[in-house]
Amino acid sequence: MNVSVRAVRADEWAKAKELRLDALRDPAAPVAYLETYDDALRHPDSFWRERTRASAGGTSARQFVAELADGTWAGSVVVLAERRGSTDVLGERSAYDQAHLVGVFVRPEHRGAGLLKELFDAALAWAWALEEPRVERARLYVDERNGRARGAYRKLGFEPTGVVLPVEADPSAREFELAVWRSSA
């Protein structure tokens, strides 16, 4: 498969929006994302423009896409740089200078072809290269009901940290934090 993994450009907000909406229609979406398709659909185009602009050239967030030769986006990951002591996207105080991988998605027809590894390699290369903050580890959260994703992340070297969070929408479910340390990546 001829694919390139690269950072999204600010003018690609419409493609970023389309991919996010497709991700939110995926059967695994209810246990993979914090927002619903209907919620995302209500965002005005200005939201998508700003979101894409911020992740195209900022130093605190970057979105990477797997682009096929025909221009189709086959997948994406967003990496957020979190400073030790700051409040992270979940409202918790960060104990590390770290990268937080979110919004992971590979279209079903491209799963199993190695795109997830390529996306994570690009995201982690960007995170490890940051000078401020100097990232110590990368982490992500995965719902216990999403075994496919949990297995894929473990295959990429992410290990459970012991941090477990309740799932807001379903208090009987849990999210596990998985991380990879800079020295082991």
Protein backbone atom coordinates (compact mmCIF):
# COMPACT_ATOMS: atom_id res chain seq x y z
CA MET A 1 0.00 0.00 0.00
CA ASN A 2 1.39 3.38 -1.02
CA VAL A 3 0.81 5.63 2.00
CA SER A 4 2.49 8.65 3.52
CA VAL A 5 2.08 9.74 7.11
CA ARG A 6 2.31 13.44 7.70
CA ALA A 7 1.08 16.27 9.86
CA VAL A 8 -2.24 17.77 8.84
CA ARG A 9 -2.16 21.22 7.21
CA ALA A 10 -4.34 24.07 8.47
CA ASP A 11 -6.29 24.32 5.20
CA GLU A 12 -7.37 20.67 5.44
CA TRP A 13 -10.09 21.27 8.03
CA ALA A 14 -12.85 19.81 5.82
CA LYS A 15 -10.96 16.52 5.41
CA ALA A 16 -10.17 16.48 9.14
CA LYS A 17 -13.86 17.02 9.89
CA GLU A 18 -14.90 14.25 7.47
CA LEU A 19 -12.44 11.75 8.99
CA ARG A 20 -13.55 12.59 12.55
CA LEU A 21 -17.21 12.16 11.63
CA ASP A 22 -16.40 8.82 9.97
CA ALA A 23 -14.55 7.74 13.13
CA LEU A 24 -17.57 8.65 15.23
CA ARG A 25 -19.78 6.45 13.01
CA ASP A 26 -17.49 3.44 13.54
CA PRO A 27 -19.12 0.62 15.55
CA ALA A 28 -16.38 0.98 18.21
CA ALA A 29 -17.00 4.74 18.62
CA PRO A 30 -19.15 4.50 21.76
CA VAL A 31 -16.22 2.94 23.67
CA ALA A 32 -13.43 4.78 21.84
CA TYR A 33 -14.33 8.47 21.87
CA LEU A 34 -15.58 11.01 24.38
CA GLU A 35 -17.98 12.66 21.93
CA THR A 36 -20.78 11.34 19.79
CA TYR A 37 -21.39 11.74 16.09
CA ASP A 38 -24.41 13.96 16.78
CA ASP A 39 -22.39 16.21 19.10
CA ALA A 40 -19.60 16.57 16.53
CA LEU A 41 -22.08 17.25 13.74
CA ARG A 42 -23.34 20.30 15.63
CA HIS A 43 -19.93 22.00 15.59
CA PRO A 44 -19.80 24.93 13.14
CA ASP A 45 -17.14 24.96 10.44
CA SER A 46 -15.26 27.60 12.47
CA PHE A 47 -14.71 24.94 15.16
CA TRP A 48 -13.15 22.55 12.63
CA ARG A 49 -11.02 25.32 11.09
CA GLU A 50 -9.62 26.32 14.49
CA ARG A 51 -9.10 22.75 15.62
CA THR A 52 -7.18 21.89 12.47
CA ARG A 53 -5.19 25.14 12.50
CA ALA A 54 -4.15 24.54 16.12
CA SER A 55 -2.97 21.00 15.40
CA ALA A 56 -1.22 21.89 12.15
CA GLY A 57 1.55 24.09 13.45
CA GLY A 58 1.33 24.30 17.19
CA THR A 59 3.76 22.95 19.73
CA SER A 60 1.12 21.63 22.11
CA ALA A 61 -0.85 19.46 19.68
CA ARG A 62 -0.32 17.82 16.31
CA GLN A 63 -2.58 15.67 14.15
CA PHE A 64 -1.03 13.09 11.87
CA VAL A 65 -2.81 11.46 8.97
CA ALA A 66 -2.12 8.40 6.85
CA GLU A 67 -2.72 9.56 3.29
CA LEU A 68 -3.09 7.18 0.37
CA ALA A 69 -1.66 7.96 -3.07
CA ASP A 70 -5.11 9.09 -4.27
CA GLY A 71 -5.36 11.65 -1.43
CA THR A 72 -7.73 9.60 0.72
CA TRP A 73 -7.08 9.76 4.44
CA ALA A 74 -6.96 6.21 5.80
CA GLY A 75 -6.37 7.10 9.44
CA SER A 76 -5.31 9.64 12.00
CA VAL A 77 -3.93 10.23 15.48
CA VAL A 78 -3.69 13.42 17.52
CA VAL A 79 -0.88 13.90 20.02
CA LEU A 80 -1.18 16.44 22.83
CA ALA A 81 1.85 17.69 24.77
CA GLU A 82 1.07 17.89 28.48
CA ARG A 83 3.31 19.64 30.98
CA ARG A 84 3.94 18.25 34.44
CA GLY A 85 1.56 19.94 36.88
CA SER A 86 -0.82 21.22 34.22
CA THR A 87 -4.43 20.13 33.92
CA ASP A 88 -4.79 17.52 31.19
CA VAL A 89 -7.71 16.93 28.82
CA LEU A 90 -9.45 14.78 31.43
CA GLY A 91 -9.26 17.50 34.09
CA GLU A 92 -6.53 15.72 36.04
CA ARG A 93 -3.15 17.16 37.07
CA SER A 94 -0.38 15.71 34.91
CA ALA A 95 2.36 13.95 36.87
CA TYR A 96 4.72 13.96 33.88
CA ASP A 97 5.86 15.95 30.89
CA GLN A 98 4.12 13.66 28.47
CA ALA A 99 2.41 13.13 25.16
CA HIS A 100 -1.22 12.04 25.22
CA LEU A 101 -2.45 10.23 22.11
CA VAL A 102 -6.14 10.76 21.34
CA GLY A 103 -8.55 10.49 18.43
CA VAL A 104 -6.92 7.31 17.11
CA PHE A 105 -8.70 5.98 14.03
CA VAL A 106 -7.90 3.76 11.06
CA ARG A 107 -10.65 3.15 8.53
CA PRO A 108 -11.88 -0.47 8.75
CA GLU A 109 -10.77 -1.34 5.22
CA HIS A 110 -7.17 -0.35 6.08
CA ARG A 111 -6.85 -2.04 9.47
CA GLY A 112 -4.19 -4.71 9.81
CA ALA A 113 -1.95 -3.11 7.17
CA GLY A 114 0.48 -1.44 9.59
CA LEU A 115 -0.99 2.06 9.38
CA LEU A 116 -1.48 2.34 13.13
CA LYS A 117 2.23 1.72 13.70
CA GLU A 118 3.16 4.31 11.08
CA LEU A 119 0.80 6.87 12.64
CA PHE A 120 2.16 6.20 16.14
CA ASP A 121 5.76 6.31 14.89
CA ALA A 122 5.15 9.79 13.45
CA ALA A 123 3.28 11.00 16.55
CA LEU A 124 5.97 9.72 18.90
CA ALA A 125 8.82 11.09 16.78
CA TRP A 126 7.19 14.52 17.01
CA ALA A 127 6.63 14.17 20.77
CA TRP A 128 10.15 12.92 21.53
CA ALA A 129 11.60 15.82 19.52
CA LEU A 130 9.83 18.48 21.61
CA GLU A 131 12.21 20.55 23.67
CA GLU A 132 9.55 22.21 25.84
CA PRO A 133 8.18 20.15 27.41
CA ARG A 134 10.77 17.40 27.07
CA VAL A 135 8.39 14.47 26.90
CA GLU A 136 9.18 11.61 29.30
CA ARG A 137 6.46 9.25 28.19
CA ALA A 138 3.49 8.88 25.87
CA ARG A 139 0.14 7.65 27.11
CA LEU A 140 -3.36 6.90 25.99
CA TYR A 141 -6.55 5.58 27.52
CA VAL A 142 -8.47 2.60 26.24
CA ASP A 143 -11.88 1.35 27.32
CA GLU A 144 -11.81 -2.16 28.76
CA ARG A 145 -14.57 -3.10 26.28
CA ASN A 146 -12.35 -2.20 23.31
CA GLY A 147 -10.19 -5.32 23.20
CA ARG A 148 -9.13 -4.82 19.59
CA ALA A 149 -7.63 -1.41 20.34
CA ARG A 150 -6.10 -2.54 23.63
CA GLY A 151 -4.35 -5.40 21.83
CA ALA A 152 -3.10 -3.13 19.06
CA TYR A 153 -1.66 -0.62 21.55
CA ARG A 154 0.06 -3.37 23.53
CA LYS A 155 1.58 -4.67 20.29
CA LEU A 156 3.04 -1.17 19.77
CA GLY A 157 4.75 -1.27 23.17
CA PHE A 158 2.18 0.52 25.34
CA GLU A 159 1.89 -1.12 28.76
CA PRO A 160 -0.72 -0.70 31.51
CA THR A 161 0.34 1.83 34.15
CA GLY A 162 -2.17 0.77 36.78
CA VAL A 163 -4.21 3.96 36.37
CA VAL A 164 -7.87 3.11 35.86
CA LEU A 165 -10.66 5.63 35.33
CA PRO A 166 -14.41 5.12 35.37
CA VAL A 167 -16.23 5.73 32.10
CA GLU A 168 -18.49 8.72 32.66
CA ALA A 169 -21.28 7.44 30.39
CA ASP A 170 -21.19 3.94 31.96
CA PRO A 171 -19.93 3.81 35.56
CA SER A 172 -19.68 0.02 35.39
CA ALA A 173 -16.99 0.31 32.69
CA ARG A 174 -13.36 1.36 33.07
CA GLU A 175 -10.64 2.99 30.98
CA PHE A 176 -7.07 1.81 31.36
CA GLU A 177 -4.09 4.10 30.95
CA LEU A 178 -1.36 2.58 28.78
CA ALA A 179 2.04 4.23 28.36
CA VAL A 180 5.40 3.87 26.73
CA TRP A 181 8.46 5.56 28.22
CA ARG A 182 10.87 7.56 26.13
CA SER A 183 13.76 5.18 26.87
CA SER A 184 11.75 2.14 25.74
CA ALA A 185 10.38 3.63 22.52
